[in-house]
Amino acid sequence: MSIFRAIARLLAVSVAALAIGIATAATATAADTAVDGDVGTTAKLSHSQATTMLRNAGITWSSSGNCSDRNRSNCTSFDQVNEDTIRGIVTLRNASGCAINVTGGTETGHASGTYSHWNGYKLDTSLSNCLNNYIQGTFTSIGGSKWRSGSGNVYYREGNHWDITYYNCGGC
């Protein structure tokens, strides 16, 4: 009888270990994919999470200082960017088919405000004929070198770059 108890105990321990392993794997998978989930504009990303999403979408980024320090104005940082902001630029890339290079993120040096770069709502991109034509030909002009997408995001042509405010992910 004791051999059966030993086997039953071993089986119970094995089942418990398997359940813990499955739960741990599910938790790890959920954490790994949270960036891709629909968690809204308040979800903040790290620089690494954002650059992974950009890289996977074929979007490049650059800075005059070749750096990503959020506290240096000559860097391009994505630290504390809203997830929907990154998803929005990915939506723009996919919809337009244009190459996109981001030149400004959440680094210091931009104008302040609720919907600011620092607060994770804005990105700057380089100008290109493809992107210029897409934005100006697809979105609604609202005056002052600004265009609004159907989802409400605003594209402002500021001299040598696009200053884009993402209130949402643009229909992602």
C-alpha atoms as a PDB file:
ATOM      1  CA  MET A   1       0.000   0.000   0.000  1.00  0.00           C
ATOM      2  CA  SER A   2       2.840   2.411   0.732  1.00  0.00           C
ATOM      3  CA  ILE A   3       4.165   2.118  -2.820  1.00  0.00           C
ATOM      4  CA  PHE A   4       0.787   3.308  -4.096  1.00  0.00           C
ATOM      5  CA  ARG A   5       0.795   6.246  -1.682  1.00  0.00           C
ATOM      6  CA  ALA A   6       4.306   7.148  -2.797  1.00  0.00           C
ATOM      7  CA  ILE A   7       3.259   7.039  -6.448  1.00  0.00           C
ATOM      8  CA  ALA A   8       0.108   9.067  -5.710  1.00  0.00           C
ATOM      9  CA  ARG A   9       2.130  11.668  -3.809  1.00  0.00           C
ATOM     10  CA  LEU A  10       4.721  11.841  -6.601  1.00  0.00           C
ATOM     11  CA  LEU A  11       1.939  12.219  -9.154  1.00  0.00           C
ATOM     12  CA  ALA A  12       0.288  15.002  -7.115  1.00  0.00           C
ATOM     13  CA  VAL A  13       3.592  16.856  -6.797  1.00  0.00           C
ATOM     14  CA  SER A  14       4.241  16.464 -10.535  1.00  0.00           C
ATOM     15  CA  VAL A  15       0.792  17.793 -11.430  1.00  0.00           C
ATOM     16  CA  ALA A  16       1.274  20.780  -9.103  1.00  0.00           C
ATOM     17  CA  ALA A  17       4.697  21.507 -10.607  1.00  0.00           C
ATOM     18  CA  LEU A  18       3.250  21.266 -14.097  1.00  0.00           C
ATOM     19  CA  ALA A  19       0.425  23.677 -13.184  1.00  0.00           C
ATOM     20  CA  ILE A  20       2.917  26.158 -11.730  1.00  0.00           C
ATOM     21  CA  GLY A  21       5.046  25.860 -14.861  1.00  0.00           C
ATOM     22  CA  ILE A  22       2.079  26.491 -17.123  1.00  0.00           C
ATOM     23  CA  ALA A  23       0.946  29.472 -15.045  1.00  0.00           C
ATOM     24  CA  THR A  24       4.473  30.908 -15.069  1.00  0.00           C
ATOM     25  CA  ALA A  25       4.749  30.466 -18.837  1.00  0.00           C
ATOM     26  CA  ALA A  26       1.356  32.113 -19.365  1.00  0.00           C
ATOM     27  CA  THR A  27       2.362  35.057 -17.169  1.00  0.00           C
ATOM     28  CA  ALA A  28       5.659  35.452 -19.032  1.00  0.00           C
ATOM     29  CA  THR A  29       3.875  35.296 -22.383  1.00  0.00           C
ATOM     30  CA  ALA A  30       1.337  37.915 -21.288  1.00  0.00           C
ATOM     31  CA  ALA A  31       4.119  40.216 -20.110  1.00  0.00           C
ATOM     32  CA  ASP A  32       6.064  39.733 -23.327  1.00  0.00           C
ATOM     33  CA  THR A  33       3.059  40.577 -25.507  1.00  0.00           C
ATOM     34  CA  ALA A  34       1.598  43.399 -23.427  1.00  0.00           C
ATOM     35  CA  VAL A  35       3.237  45.891 -25.793  1.00  0.00           C
ATOM     36  CA  ASP A  36       1.200  44.454 -28.658  1.00  0.00           C
ATOM     37  CA  GLY A  37      -2.076  44.451 -26.694  1.00  0.00           C
ATOM     38  CA  ASP A  38      -4.777  47.070 -26.743  1.00  0.00           C
ATOM     39  CA  VAL A  39      -4.022  48.828 -23.461  1.00  0.00           C
ATOM     40  CA  GLY A  40      -4.652  52.435 -24.509  1.00  0.00           C
ATOM     41  CA  THR A  41      -2.795  55.718 -24.548  1.00  0.00           C
ATOM     42  CA  THR A  42      -1.888  55.666 -20.870  1.00  0.00           C
ATOM     43  CA  ALA A  43       0.350  52.607 -21.271  1.00  0.00           C
ATOM     44  CA  LYS A  44       3.900  53.892 -21.206  1.00  0.00           C
ATOM     45  CA  LEU A  45       6.710  52.112 -23.018  1.00  0.00           C
ATOM     46  CA  SER A  46      10.408  51.939 -22.345  1.00  0.00           C
ATOM     47  CA  HIS A  47      12.814  53.076 -25.033  1.00  0.00           C
ATOM     48  CA  SER A  48      13.646  49.431 -25.725  1.00  0.00           C
ATOM     49  CA  GLN A  49       9.997  48.364 -26.091  1.00  0.00           C
ATOM     50  CA  ALA A  50       9.260  51.259 -28.452  1.00  0.00           C
ATOM     51  CA  THR A  51      12.319  50.707 -30.638  1.00  0.00           C
ATOM     52  CA  THR A  52      11.453  47.016 -30.935  1.00  0.00           C
ATOM     53  CA  MET A  53       7.982  47.933 -32.217  1.00  0.00           C
ATOM     54  CA  LEU A  54       9.434  50.525 -34.615  1.00  0.00           C
ATOM     55  CA  ARG A  55      12.122  48.167 -35.902  1.00  0.00           C
ATOM     56  CA  ASN A  56       9.544  45.404 -36.462  1.00  0.00           C
ATOM     57  CA  ALA A  57       7.478  47.844 -38.554  1.00  0.00           C
ATOM     58  CA  GLY A  58      10.459  48.970 -40.636  1.00  0.00           C
ATOM     59  CA  ILE A  59      10.529  52.456 -39.090  1.00  0.00           C
ATOM     60  CA  THR A  60      13.890  54.090 -38.439  1.00  0.00           C
ATOM     61  CA  TRP A  61      14.904  56.788 -35.968  1.00  0.00           C
ATOM     62  CA  SER A  62      17.847  59.121 -35.658  1.00  0.00           C
ATOM     63  CA  SER A  63      19.211  61.887 -33.458  1.00  0.00           C
ATOM     64  CA  SER A  64      21.736  64.635 -34.011  1.00  0.00           C
ATOM     65  CA  GLY A  65      23.599  63.443 -30.904  1.00  0.00           C
ATOM     66  CA  ASN A  66      23.450  59.728 -31.776  1.00  0.00           C
ATOM     67  CA  CYS A  67      21.890  59.055 -28.368  1.00  0.00           C
ATOM     68  CA  SER A  68      18.643  58.178 -26.598  1.00  0.00           C
ATOM     69  CA  ASP A  69      18.940  60.029 -23.270  1.00  0.00           C
ATOM     70  CA  ARG A  70      15.545  61.573 -22.479  1.00  0.00           C
ATOM     71  CA  ASN A  71      17.191  64.439 -20.609  1.00  0.00           C
ATOM     72  CA  ARG A  72      19.331  65.610 -23.554  1.00  0.00           C
ATOM     73  CA  SER A  73      17.655  67.653 -26.281  1.00  0.00           C
ATOM     74  CA  ASN A  74      19.998  66.403 -29.026  1.00  0.00           C
ATOM     75  CA  CYS A  75      18.924  62.777 -28.425  1.00  0.00           C
ATOM     76  CA  THR A  76      15.859  60.935 -29.687  1.00  0.00           C
ATOM     77  CA  SER A  77      14.252  59.075 -26.814  1.00  0.00           C
ATOM     78  CA  PHE A  78      11.121  56.963 -26.647  1.00  0.00           C
ATOM     79  CA  ASP A  79      11.265  56.448 -22.888  1.00  0.00           C
ATOM     80  CA  GLN A  80       7.726  56.961 -21.464  1.00  0.00           C
ATOM     81  CA  VAL A  81       6.130  57.269 -24.918  1.00  0.00           C
ATOM     82  CA  ASN A  82       2.485  56.215 -25.081  1.00  0.00           C
ATOM     83  CA  GLU A  83       1.928  52.816 -26.626  1.00  0.00           C
ATOM     84  CA  ASP A  84      -0.768  54.283 -28.891  1.00  0.00           C
ATOM     85  CA  THR A  85       1.740  56.863 -30.166  1.00  0.00           C
ATOM     86  CA  ILE A  86       4.043  54.097 -31.367  1.00  0.00           C
ATOM     87  CA  ARG A  87       1.107  52.099 -32.685  1.00  0.00           C
ATOM     88  CA  GLY A  88      -0.067  55.263 -34.466  1.00  0.00           C
ATOM     89  CA  ILE A  89       3.210  55.769 -36.336  1.00  0.00           C
ATOM     90  CA  VAL A  90       3.131  52.075 -37.265  1.00  0.00           C
ATOM     91  CA  THR A  91      -0.414  52.571 -38.596  1.00  0.00           C
ATOM     92  CA  LEU A  92       0.817  55.538 -40.651  1.00  0.00           C
ATOM     93  CA  ARG A  93       3.684  53.442 -42.042  1.00  0.00           C
ATOM     94  CA  ASN A  94       1.371  50.590 -42.985  1.00  0.00           C
ATOM     95  CA  ALA A  95      -1.332  52.814 -44.500  1.00  0.00           C
ATOM     96  CA  SER A  96       1.022  55.063 -46.458  1.00  0.00           C
ATOM     97  CA  GLY A  97       3.658  52.548 -47.506  1.00  0.00           C
ATOM     98  CA  CYS A  98       6.208  55.332 -46.958  1.00  0.00           C
ATOM     99  CA  ALA A  99       9.601  55.048 -45.335  1.00  0.00           C
ATOM    100  CA  ILE A 100       9.446  56.861 -41.987  1.00  0.00           C
ATOM    101  CA  ASN A 101      12.348  58.207 -39.940  1.00  0.00           C
ATOM    102  CA  VAL A 102      11.498  59.483 -36.450  1.00  0.00           C
ATOM    103  CA  THR A 103      13.665  62.412 -35.386  1.00  0.00           C
ATOM    104  CA  GLY A 104      11.952  63.431 -32.150  1.00  0.00           C
ATOM    105  CA  GLY A 105      10.318  61.566 -29.294  1.00  0.00           C
ATOM    106  CA  THR A 106       9.985  62.141 -25.567  1.00  0.00           C
ATOM    107  CA  GLU A 107      13.302  63.924 -25.040  1.00  0.00           C
ATOM    108  CA  THR A 108      13.496  67.328 -23.393  1.00  0.00           C
ATOM    109  CA  GLY A 109      13.565  70.477 -25.519  1.00  0.00           C
ATOM    110  CA  HIS A 110      10.089  70.404 -27.049  1.00  0.00           C
ATOM    111  CA  ALA A 111       7.123  72.600 -26.127  1.00  0.00           C
ATOM    112  CA  SER A 112       5.286  71.665 -22.932  1.00  0.00           C
ATOM    113  CA  GLY A 113       1.604  70.861 -22.555  1.00  0.00           C
ATOM    114  CA  THR A 114      -0.756  68.003 -21.922  1.00  0.00           C
ATOM    115  CA  TYR A 115      -0.387  66.508 -25.410  1.00  0.00           C
ATOM    116  CA  SER A 116       3.365  67.051 -25.609  1.00  0.00           C
ATOM    117  CA  HIS A 117       6.439  65.135 -26.644  1.00  0.00           C
ATOM    118  CA  TRP A 118       7.476  64.783 -22.984  1.00  0.00           C
ATOM    119  CA  ASN A 119       4.083  63.298 -22.049  1.00  0.00           C
ATOM    120  CA  GLY A 120       4.349  60.716 -24.826  1.00  0.00           C
ATOM    121  CA  TYR A 121       1.788  61.989 -27.335  1.00  0.00           C
ATOM    122  CA  LYS A 122       4.043  63.422 -30.053  1.00  0.00           C
ATOM    123  CA  LEU A 123       6.673  62.282 -32.510  1.00  0.00           C
ATOM    124  CA  ASP A 124       8.643  64.228 -35.107  1.00  0.00           C
ATOM    125  CA  THR A 125       9.473  62.656 -38.461  1.00  0.00           C
ATOM    126  CA  SER A 126      11.627  63.655 -41.381  1.00  0.00           C
ATOM    127  CA  LEU A 127       9.883  65.085 -44.420  1.00  0.00           C
ATOM    128  CA  SER A 128       9.711  62.995 -47.575  1.00  0.00           C
ATOM    129  CA  ASN A 129       7.768  63.342 -50.814  1.00  0.00           C
ATOM    130  CA  CYS A 130       5.938  60.097 -50.079  1.00  0.00           C
ATOM    131  CA  LEU A 131       4.911  61.085 -46.554  1.00  0.00           C
ATOM    132  CA  ASN A 132       4.100  64.685 -47.525  1.00  0.00           C
ATOM    133  CA  ASN A 133       1.866  63.537 -50.380  1.00  0.00           C
ATOM    134  CA  TYR A 134       0.133  60.918 -48.252  1.00  0.00           C
ATOM    135  CA  ILE A 135      -0.649  63.228 -45.317  1.00  0.00           C
ATOM    136  CA  GLN A 136      -1.672  66.204 -47.444  1.00  0.00           C
ATOM    137  CA  GLY A 137      -3.649  64.076 -49.886  1.00  0.00           C
ATOM    138  CA  THR A 138      -5.403  61.792 -47.413  1.00  0.00           C
ATOM    139  CA  PHE A 139      -6.128  63.860 -44.311  1.00  0.00           C
ATOM    140  CA  THR A 140      -8.246  66.992 -43.883  1.00  0.00           C
ATOM    141  CA  SER A 141      -6.503  70.366 -43.891  1.00  0.00           C
ATOM    142  CA  ILE A 142      -7.412  72.319 -40.760  1.00  0.00           C
ATOM    143  CA  GLY A 143      -5.284  75.379 -41.600  1.00  0.00           C
ATOM    144  CA  GLY A 144      -1.929  76.570 -40.396  1.00  0.00           C
ATOM    145  CA  SER A 145       0.021  73.730 -42.076  1.00  0.00           C
ATOM    146  CA  LYS A 146      -1.995  71.167 -40.095  1.00  0.00           C
ATOM    147  CA  TRP A 147      -3.948  68.118 -41.224  1.00  0.00           C
ATOM    148  CA  ARG A 148      -6.276  65.911 -39.183  1.00  0.00           C
ATOM    149  CA  SER A 149      -6.750  62.209 -39.822  1.00  0.00           C
ATOM    150  CA  GLY A 150     -10.145  60.554 -39.645  1.00  0.00           C
ATOM    151  CA  SER A 151      -9.247  59.241 -36.192  1.00  0.00           C
ATOM    152  CA  GLY A 152      -8.426  62.753 -34.948  1.00  0.00           C
ATOM    153  CA  ASN A 153      -4.627  62.675 -34.887  1.00  0.00           C
ATOM    154  CA  VAL A 154      -2.977  65.925 -36.005  1.00  0.00           C
ATOM    155  CA  TYR A 155      -0.085  66.239 -38.468  1.00  0.00           C
ATOM    156  CA  TYR A 156       1.684  69.611 -38.355  1.00  0.00           C
ATOM    157  CA  ARG A 157       4.263  70.450 -41.006  1.00  0.00           C
ATOM    158  CA  GLU A 158       6.827  72.518 -39.089  1.00  0.00           C
ATOM    159  CA  GLY A 159       9.466  73.666 -41.551  1.00  0.00           C
ATOM    160  CA  ASN A 160      11.823  70.697 -41.854  1.00  0.00           C
ATOM    161  CA  HIS A 161       9.761  67.957 -40.154  1.00  0.00           C
ATOM    162  CA  TRP A 162       6.311  66.619 -39.346  1.00  0.00           C
ATOM    163  CA  ASP A 163       5.194  67.137 -35.739  1.00  0.00           C
ATOM    164  CA  ILE A 164       2.522  64.486 -35.134  1.00  0.00           C
ATOM    165  CA  THR A 165       0.153  64.361 -32.172  1.00  0.00           C
ATOM    166  CA  TYR A 166      -1.312  60.919 -31.515  1.00  0.00           C
ATOM    167  CA  TYR A 167      -4.491  60.984 -29.448  1.00  0.00           C
ATOM    168  CA  ASN A 168      -5.016  57.340 -30.404  1.00  0.00           C
ATOM    169  CA  CYS A 169      -3.392  54.661 -32.531  1.00  0.00           C
ATOM    170  CA  GLY A 170      -5.103  55.782 -35.725  1.00  0.00           C
ATOM    171  CA  GLY A 171      -7.338  52.773 -36.298  1.00  0.00           C
ATOM    172  CA  CYS A 172      -4.765  50.123 -35.458  1.00  0.00           C
END
